[in-house]
Amino acid sequence: QVQLVESGGGLVQAGGSLRLSCVASERTFSSHAMAWFRQAPGKEREFVAAITWSRGYTYYRDSVKGRFTISRDNAKNTVYLQMNSLKPEDTAVYYCASKFSNSNIYRNPNEYNYWGQGTQVTVSS
């Protein structure tokens, strides 16, 4: 059974840091790329960052560039999202997702086949 399990969310003050982790099952590991999305209350799910498993190419939404870093550990089947200089507007449930298609479309959630259960990130001002 395909599984993605996120961890690392929590409550942090503005300017602080958190690191999210997403462990993928072996079957999911054969996917092309992994991504983080987030969804705030009353808003649509939005792309945050993505990384390809093989070459480690990365993609970010503009508002997190320079603050967030996505990385992967192929040996551990794990993808990370290091979030620094957090802002209250980063508050959301963060989801890990897996994409099997090797298309160059990373920002559309419809491209992703499997999703984790989400982890809450709350940034206080």
Protein backbone atom coordinates (compact mmCIF):
# COMPACT_ATOMS: atom_id res chain seq x y z
CA GLN A 1 0.00 0.00 0.00
CA VAL A 2 1.32 3.43 -0.97
CA GLN A 3 1.91 5.69 1.99
CA LEU A 4 3.32 9.13 2.61
CA VAL A 5 3.80 10.09 6.24
CA GLU A 6 4.58 13.68 7.19
CA SER A 7 5.97 14.95 10.48
CA GLY A 8 7.63 18.03 11.91
CA GLY A 9 4.81 20.54 12.05
CA GLY A 10 4.10 22.68 15.08
CA LEU A 11 3.75 26.15 16.53
CA VAL A 12 6.56 28.64 16.03
CA GLN A 13 7.00 32.39 16.37
CA ALA A 14 7.50 34.57 13.34
CA GLY A 15 11.12 34.44 12.24
CA GLY A 16 11.55 30.92 13.53
CA SER A 17 12.26 27.67 11.72
CA LEU A 18 10.75 24.24 11.27
CA ARG A 19 11.75 21.18 9.29
CA LEU A 20 9.08 18.95 7.81
CA SER A 21 9.77 15.36 6.84
CA CYS A 22 7.89 13.03 4.51
CA VAL A 23 8.71 9.34 4.48
CA ALA A 24 7.62 7.49 1.35
CA SER A 25 6.86 3.78 1.10
CA GLU A 26 9.04 1.78 -1.26
CA ARG A 27 6.40 1.74 -3.95
CA THR A 28 6.03 5.51 -3.85
CA PHE A 29 9.79 5.80 -4.04
CA SER A 30 9.64 4.84 -7.73
CA SER A 31 7.84 8.09 -8.45
CA HIS A 32 9.36 10.91 -10.52
CA ALA A 33 9.09 13.74 -8.02
CA MET A 34 7.86 14.74 -4.60
CA ALA A 35 6.34 18.02 -3.55
CA TRP A 36 5.00 20.00 -0.65
CA PHE A 37 1.69 21.80 -0.88
CA ARG A 38 -0.14 23.78 1.76
CA GLN A 39 -3.69 24.77 2.47
CA ALA A 40 -4.81 27.54 4.79
CA PRO A 41 -8.40 27.74 6.11
CA GLY A 42 -10.77 28.98 3.44
CA LYS A 43 -8.11 28.90 0.74
CA GLU A 44 -7.21 26.55 -2.08
CA ARG A 45 -4.32 24.13 -1.81
CA GLU A 46 -1.20 25.78 -3.19
CA PHE A 47 2.16 24.56 -4.40
CA VAL A 48 5.15 25.21 -2.14
CA ALA A 49 8.12 23.26 -3.51
CA ALA A 50 9.03 20.15 -5.50
CA ILE A 51 12.08 18.00 -6.08
CA THR A 52 12.86 15.23 -8.54
CA TRP A 53 14.15 11.98 -7.10
CA SER A 54 16.81 11.23 -9.70
CA ARG A 55 18.60 14.53 -10.28
CA GLY A 56 17.33 16.61 -7.39
CA TYR A 57 15.96 19.44 -9.53
CA THR A 58 14.02 21.83 -7.33
CA TYR A 59 11.11 24.19 -7.87
CA TYR A 60 9.62 26.79 -5.50
CA ARG A 61 6.74 29.19 -5.31
CA ASP A 62 8.01 32.77 -5.36
CA SER A 63 6.93 33.66 -1.83
CA VAL A 64 9.13 30.98 -0.22
CA LYS A 65 12.26 31.35 -2.35
CA GLY A 66 15.26 32.10 -0.18
CA ARG A 67 13.43 30.97 2.97
CA PHE A 68 12.44 27.34 2.27
CA THR A 69 14.64 24.52 1.04
CA ILE A 70 13.40 21.17 -0.25
CA SER A 71 15.78 18.23 -0.20
CA ARG A 72 15.67 14.46 -0.40
CA ASP A 73 17.49 11.48 1.04
CA ASN A 74 17.11 8.68 -1.48
CA ALA A 75 18.51 6.07 0.91
CA LYS A 76 15.82 6.91 3.48
CA ASN A 77 13.00 7.49 0.97
CA THR A 78 12.51 10.83 2.69
CA VAL A 79 11.86 14.35 1.50
CA TYR A 80 12.41 17.37 3.73
CA LEU A 81 11.21 20.94 3.77
CA GLN A 82 13.42 23.26 5.79
CA MET A 83 11.47 26.41 6.54
CA ASN A 84 13.32 29.45 7.84
CA SER A 85 12.24 33.03 8.52
CA LEU A 86 8.68 31.84 8.90
CA LYS A 87 5.86 34.36 8.57
CA PRO A 88 2.27 34.26 9.86
CA GLU A 89 1.10 33.87 6.26
CA ASP A 90 2.94 30.54 6.11
CA THR A 91 0.38 29.12 8.53
CA ALA A 92 -1.36 26.16 6.89
CA VAL A 93 -1.65 22.42 6.78
CA TYR A 94 1.32 21.16 4.78
CA TYR A 95 0.91 18.09 2.58
CA CYS A 96 3.49 15.86 0.99
CA ALA A 97 2.64 14.51 -2.48
CA SER A 98 4.10 12.05 -4.96
CA LYS A 99 4.09 12.42 -8.74
CA PHE A 100 4.66 9.50 -11.11
CA SER A 101 4.40 11.37 -14.39
CA ASN A 102 7.70 12.78 -15.67
CA SER A 103 6.00 15.83 -17.14
CA ASN A 104 7.53 19.20 -16.32
CA ILE A 105 4.39 20.31 -14.53
CA TYR A 106 5.06 20.55 -10.81
CA ARG A 107 2.76 23.26 -9.50
CA ASN A 108 -0.58 21.68 -10.35
CA PRO A 109 -1.91 19.42 -7.55
CA ASN A 110 -3.79 17.36 -10.14
CA GLU A 111 -0.42 16.05 -11.38
CA TYR A 112 0.15 14.19 -8.11
CA ASN A 113 -0.97 10.65 -7.47
CA TYR A 114 -0.59 10.17 -3.72
CA TRP A 115 -0.88 12.47 -0.74
CA GLY A 116 0.02 12.36 2.92
CA GLN A 117 -2.35 13.17 5.74
CA GLY A 118 -0.93 16.65 6.34
CA THR A 119 0.87 18.33 9.20
CA GLN A 120 -0.16 21.64 10.77
CA VAL A 121 2.24 24.57 10.76
CA THR A 122 1.23 27.60 12.79
CA VAL A 123 3.30 30.77 12.84
CA SER A 124 2.41 33.31 15.49
CA SER A 125 3.10 37.02 15.10
